[in-house]
Amino acid sequence: MLVGLLTAVQAVTLSSPPPGLSGYSTRFDAGGALASIRRLSAAAVAAALSDGKELLEIEFPPLIESKGQFDDFSNVEVLDANRDFGVQLALEPEIQAAASKAELWLCFADEGEAQLAREAWPGAMYGEATTTYIAAAVRAVGEEPLMPMGSSALGA
C-alpha cells in the first residue's frame, strides 16, 4: 500500500526532463537544459514559499551541460556547479519576488563551501542574503545539528 501511495505521489510531483534531454544526452545535446531546470525550480520554489513552506531542498544534475554520462568528473566540479546553480537560482525573478534579500538564505553543505560561494559570487545581492552552511543554519534556529562521526565533525 505504501509503495503504491509513493508511486502515485511521485507521478504527480515530478516534472519531465527539459526538451531534448534524455539519459543518453551528451553535453552537446543539453544546451539550455540547466537554465530550463533553474526556471522550473524557481517557479516551484516561489509556489512553495507562497504556500508557507520555509525549508526547501532542490536536487538537480549539476554537470548536465558540461559532462556526458560517460565522462569523468571531479568532486570539485560537482561542488562548483552546485554552488553556481544555487546562487543563480537566487537571482530568478520568482525567488526575488517571493523572498526579500534579507530573508533569503543560501545554505551550503559546510563552512568551506559557503566561504567559496562568497568568494566566487561577491556581489551586493549576496552580501544582503545570508550565505551559510547547514550546521550554522541549524544552530541559528536554536537547535544542535547532528554531526557525522569522526574528526571532520570537530570544527563544524
C-alpha atoms as a PDB file:
ATOM      1  CA  MET A   1       0.000   0.000   0.000  1.00  0.00           C
ATOM      2  CA  LEU A   2       2.730   2.464   0.941  1.00  0.00           C
ATOM      3  CA  VAL A   3       4.674   1.750  -2.263  1.00  0.00           C
ATOM      4  CA  GLY A   4       1.562   2.413  -4.347  1.00  0.00           C
ATOM      5  CA  LEU A   5       0.937   5.646  -2.466  1.00  0.00           C
ATOM      6  CA  LEU A   6       4.513   6.836  -3.000  1.00  0.00           C
ATOM      7  CA  THR A   7       4.329   5.977  -6.690  1.00  0.00           C
ATOM      8  CA  ALA A   8       1.103   7.953  -7.056  1.00  0.00           C
ATOM      9  CA  VAL A   9       2.582  10.963  -5.271  1.00  0.00           C
ATOM     10  CA  GLN A  10       5.776  10.854  -7.334  1.00  0.00           C
ATOM     11  CA  ALA A  11       3.829  10.698 -10.585  1.00  0.00           C
ATOM     12  CA  VAL A  12       2.043  13.914  -9.652  1.00  0.00           C
ATOM     13  CA  THR A  13       5.027  15.870  -8.328  1.00  0.00           C
ATOM     14  CA  LEU A  14       7.916  15.026 -10.663  1.00  0.00           C
ATOM     15  CA  SER A  15       8.407  17.052 -13.806  1.00  0.00           C
ATOM     16  CA  SER A  16       9.637  15.809 -17.156  1.00  0.00           C
ATOM     17  CA  PRO A  17      13.209  16.491 -18.283  1.00  0.00           C
ATOM     18  CA  PRO A  18      13.668  19.591 -20.436  1.00  0.00           C
ATOM     19  CA  PRO A  19      13.050  19.110 -24.183  1.00  0.00           C
ATOM     20  CA  GLY A  20      15.813  17.248 -25.978  1.00  0.00           C
ATOM     21  CA  LEU A  21      17.289  15.802 -22.804  1.00  0.00           C
ATOM     22  CA  SER A  22      17.415  12.100 -22.009  1.00  0.00           C
ATOM     23  CA  GLY A  23      19.618   9.638 -20.166  1.00  0.00           C
ATOM     24  CA  TYR A  24      21.705   9.364 -23.312  1.00  0.00           C
ATOM     25  CA  SER A  25      22.174  13.087 -23.917  1.00  0.00           C
ATOM     26  CA  THR A  26      25.675  14.413 -24.288  1.00  0.00           C
ATOM     27  CA  ARG A  27      26.857  17.813 -23.241  1.00  0.00           C
ATOM     28  CA  PHE A  28      26.312  18.978 -26.840  1.00  0.00           C
ATOM     29  CA  ASP A  29      22.632  17.944 -26.735  1.00  0.00           C
ATOM     30  CA  ALA A  30      21.918  19.575 -23.386  1.00  0.00           C
ATOM     31  CA  GLY A  31      22.307  23.250 -24.301  1.00  0.00           C
ATOM     32  CA  GLY A  32      19.978  25.301 -22.154  1.00  0.00           C
ATOM     33  CA  ALA A  33      18.831  22.322 -20.065  1.00  0.00           C
ATOM     34  CA  LEU A  34      20.262  23.689 -16.824  1.00  0.00           C
ATOM     35  CA  ALA A  35      18.644  27.094 -17.404  1.00  0.00           C
ATOM     36  CA  SER A  36      15.351  25.316 -18.065  1.00  0.00           C
ATOM     37  CA  ILE A  37      15.720  23.313 -14.851  1.00  0.00           C
ATOM     38  CA  ARG A  38      16.577  26.517 -12.958  1.00  0.00           C
ATOM     39  CA  ARG A  39      13.462  28.289 -14.292  1.00  0.00           C
ATOM     40  CA  LEU A  40      11.224  25.325 -13.370  1.00  0.00           C
ATOM     41  CA  SER A  41      12.858  25.192  -9.934  1.00  0.00           C
ATOM     42  CA  ALA A  42      12.310  28.911  -9.400  1.00  0.00           C
ATOM     43  CA  ALA A  43       8.612  28.587 -10.192  1.00  0.00           C
ATOM     44  CA  ALA A  44       8.317  25.607  -7.817  1.00  0.00           C
ATOM     45  CA  VAL A  45      10.182  27.436  -5.035  1.00  0.00           C
ATOM     46  CA  ALA A  46       8.002  30.537  -5.454  1.00  0.00           C
ATOM     47  CA  ALA A  47       4.850  28.401  -5.281  1.00  0.00           C
ATOM     48  CA  ALA A  48       6.136  26.613  -2.170  1.00  0.00           C
ATOM     49  CA  LEU A  49       7.040  29.914  -0.493  1.00  0.00           C
ATOM     50  CA  SER A  50       3.604  31.337  -1.275  1.00  0.00           C
ATOM     51  CA  ASP A  51       2.128  28.202   0.361  1.00  0.00           C
ATOM     52  CA  GLY A  52       4.079  28.983   3.531  1.00  0.00           C
ATOM     53  CA  LYS A  53       6.894  26.462   3.101  1.00  0.00           C
ATOM     54  CA  GLU A  54      10.186  27.726   4.502  1.00  0.00           C
ATOM     55  CA  LEU A  55      12.667  24.855   4.218  1.00  0.00           C
ATOM     56  CA  LEU A  56      13.237  23.619   0.680  1.00  0.00           C
ATOM     57  CA  GLU A  57      15.839  21.398  -0.951  1.00  0.00           C
ATOM     58  CA  ILE A  58      16.332  21.217  -4.696  1.00  0.00           C
ATOM     59  CA  GLU A  59      18.145  18.358  -6.393  1.00  0.00           C
ATOM     60  CA  PHE A  60      19.369  18.671  -9.969  1.00  0.00           C
ATOM     61  CA  PRO A  61      22.047  17.225 -12.274  1.00  0.00           C
ATOM     62  CA  PRO A  62      24.838  19.812 -11.809  1.00  0.00           C
ATOM     63  CA  LEU A  63      27.092  18.908 -14.742  1.00  0.00           C
ATOM     64  CA  ILE A  64      24.361  18.231 -17.278  1.00  0.00           C
ATOM     65  CA  GLU A  65      25.647  20.799 -19.782  1.00  0.00           C
ATOM     66  CA  SER A  66      29.367  20.200 -19.374  1.00  0.00           C
ATOM     67  CA  LYS A  67      29.698  16.430 -18.943  1.00  0.00           C
ATOM     68  CA  GLY A  68      28.044  13.422 -20.534  1.00  0.00           C
ATOM     69  CA  GLN A  69      27.038  10.404 -18.507  1.00  0.00           C
ATOM     70  CA  PHE A  70      30.216   8.566 -19.501  1.00  0.00           C
ATOM     71  CA  ASP A  71      32.649  11.446 -18.821  1.00  0.00           C
ATOM     72  CA  ASP A  72      34.880  11.562 -15.760  1.00  0.00           C
ATOM     73  CA  PHE A  73      34.449  14.455 -13.365  1.00  0.00           C
ATOM     74  CA  SER A  74      35.855  15.520 -10.022  1.00  0.00           C
ATOM     75  CA  ASN A  75      34.093  16.261  -6.777  1.00  0.00           C
ATOM     76  CA  VAL A  76      35.283  19.873  -7.083  1.00  0.00           C
ATOM     77  CA  GLU A  77      33.479  20.222 -10.433  1.00  0.00           C
ATOM     78  CA  VAL A  78      30.259  18.980  -8.835  1.00  0.00           C
ATOM     79  CA  LEU A  79      30.612  21.283  -5.809  1.00  0.00           C
ATOM     80  CA  ASP A  80      31.355  24.302  -8.014  1.00  0.00           C
ATOM     81  CA  ALA A  81      28.369  23.516 -10.259  1.00  0.00           C
ATOM     82  CA  ASN A  82      26.109  23.093  -7.213  1.00  0.00           C
ATOM     83  CA  ARG A  83      27.269  26.425  -5.811  1.00  0.00           C
ATOM     84  CA  ASP A  84      26.747  28.245  -9.100  1.00  0.00           C
ATOM     85  CA  PHE A  85      23.297  26.725  -9.626  1.00  0.00           C
ATOM     86  CA  GLY A  86      22.185  27.740  -6.127  1.00  0.00           C
ATOM     87  CA  VAL A  87      23.445  31.282  -6.440  1.00  0.00           C
ATOM     88  CA  GLN A  88      21.986  31.711  -9.945  1.00  0.00           C
ATOM     89  CA  LEU A  89      18.672  30.287  -8.733  1.00  0.00           C
ATOM     90  CA  ALA A  90      18.554  33.050  -6.125  1.00  0.00           C
ATOM     91  CA  LEU A  91      18.630  35.600  -8.990  1.00  0.00           C
ATOM     92  CA  GLU A  92      15.483  34.261 -10.665  1.00  0.00           C
ATOM     93  CA  PRO A  93      12.610  36.799 -10.625  1.00  0.00           C
ATOM     94  CA  GLU A  94      10.221  34.420  -8.847  1.00  0.00           C
ATOM     95  CA  ILE A  95      12.688  33.951  -5.995  1.00  0.00           C
ATOM     96  CA  GLN A  96      13.396  37.680  -5.769  1.00  0.00           C
ATOM     97  CA  ALA A  97       9.657  38.413  -5.621  1.00  0.00           C
ATOM     98  CA  ALA A  98       8.922  35.709  -3.038  1.00  0.00           C
ATOM     99  CA  ALA A  99      11.749  36.433  -0.582  1.00  0.00           C
ATOM    100  CA  SER A 100      13.475  39.715   0.186  1.00  0.00           C
ATOM    101  CA  LYS A 101      17.249  39.692   0.069  1.00  0.00           C
ATOM    102  CA  ALA A 102      17.343  39.907   3.867  1.00  0.00           C
ATOM    103  CA  GLU A 103      15.061  36.837   4.136  1.00  0.00           C
ATOM    104  CA  LEU A 104      16.974  34.760   1.598  1.00  0.00           C
ATOM    105  CA  TRP A 105      19.393  32.168   2.952  1.00  0.00           C
ATOM    106  CA  LEU A 106      21.821  30.434   0.609  1.00  0.00           C
ATOM    107  CA  CYS A 107      22.707  27.342   2.627  1.00  0.00           C
ATOM    108  CA  PHE A 108      25.651  25.179   1.599  1.00  0.00           C
ATOM    109  CA  ALA A 109      26.781  21.794   2.906  1.00  0.00           C
ATOM    110  CA  ASP A 110      29.672  23.066   5.007  1.00  0.00           C
ATOM    111  CA  GLU A 111      31.520  26.192   6.056  1.00  0.00           C
ATOM    112  CA  GLY A 112      34.173  25.790   3.352  1.00  0.00           C
ATOM    113  CA  GLU A 113      31.572  25.705   0.575  1.00  0.00           C
ATOM    114  CA  ALA A 114      29.825  28.774   1.998  1.00  0.00           C
ATOM    115  CA  GLN A 115      33.133  30.656   2.039  1.00  0.00           C
ATOM    116  CA  LEU A 116      33.919  29.616  -1.543  1.00  0.00           C
ATOM    117  CA  ALA A 117      30.465  30.841  -2.604  1.00  0.00           C
ATOM    118  CA  ARG A 118      31.126  34.249  -1.000  1.00  0.00           C
ATOM    119  CA  GLU A 119      34.438  34.465  -2.856  1.00  0.00           C
ATOM    120  CA  ALA A 120      33.048  33.313  -6.220  1.00  0.00           C
ATOM    121  CA  TRP A 121      29.912  35.499  -6.014  1.00  0.00           C
ATOM    122  CA  PRO A 122      30.891  38.727  -4.203  1.00  0.00           C
ATOM    123  CA  GLY A 123      28.007  40.889  -5.494  1.00  0.00           C
ATOM    124  CA  ALA A 124      25.856  43.167  -3.346  1.00  0.00           C
ATOM    125  CA  MET A 125      22.801  40.920  -3.684  1.00  0.00           C
ATOM    126  CA  TYR A 126      24.675  38.105  -1.985  1.00  0.00           C
ATOM    127  CA  GLY A 127      26.020  40.445   0.675  1.00  0.00           C
ATOM    128  CA  GLU A 128      22.424  41.113   1.766  1.00  0.00           C
ATOM    129  CA  ALA A 129      21.400  37.454   1.692  1.00  0.00           C
ATOM    130  CA  THR A 130      22.571  35.106   4.418  1.00  0.00           C
ATOM    131  CA  THR A 131      25.207  32.781   2.989  1.00  0.00           C
ATOM    132  CA  THR A 132      25.678  29.986   5.473  1.00  0.00           C
ATOM    133  CA  TYR A 133      26.043  26.238   5.874  1.00  0.00           C
ATOM    134  CA  ILE A 134      23.838  23.509   7.308  1.00  0.00           C
ATOM    135  CA  ALA A 135      25.298  23.278  10.838  1.00  0.00           C
ATOM    136  CA  ALA A 136      25.240  27.071  11.304  1.00  0.00           C
ATOM    137  CA  ALA A 137      21.678  27.312   9.988  1.00  0.00           C
ATOM    138  CA  VAL A 138      20.523  24.629  12.414  1.00  0.00           C
ATOM    139  CA  ARG A 139      22.208  26.493  15.292  1.00  0.00           C
ATOM    140  CA  ALA A 140      20.634  29.784  14.110  1.00  0.00           C
ATOM    141  CA  VAL A 141      17.170  28.341  14.709  1.00  0.00           C
ATOM    142  CA  GLY A 142      18.139  27.209  18.210  1.00  0.00           C
ATOM    143  CA  GLU A 143      18.894  23.547  17.594  1.00  0.00           C
ATOM    144  CA  GLU A 144      22.027  21.444  17.754  1.00  0.00           C
ATOM    145  CA  PRO A 145      22.960  19.858  14.401  1.00  0.00           C
ATOM    146  CA  LEU A 146      23.541  16.151  14.037  1.00  0.00           C
ATOM    147  CA  MET A 147      27.209  15.680  13.305  1.00  0.00           C
ATOM    148  CA  PRO A 148      28.903  12.871  11.384  1.00  0.00           C
ATOM    149  CA  MET A 149      31.206  10.556  13.264  1.00  0.00           C
ATOM    150  CA  GLY A 150      34.916  11.211  13.011  1.00  0.00           C
ATOM    151  CA  SER A 151      37.362  14.048  13.405  1.00  0.00           C
ATOM    152  CA  SER A 152      35.917  16.045  10.490  1.00  0.00           C
ATOM    153  CA  ALA A 153      32.999  16.963  12.749  1.00  0.00           C
ATOM    154  CA  LEU A 154      35.146  18.729  15.348  1.00  0.00           C
ATOM    155  CA  GLY A 155      35.364  22.091  13.575  1.00  0.00           C
ATOM    156  CA  ALA A 156      31.792  22.276  12.260  1.00  0.00           C
END
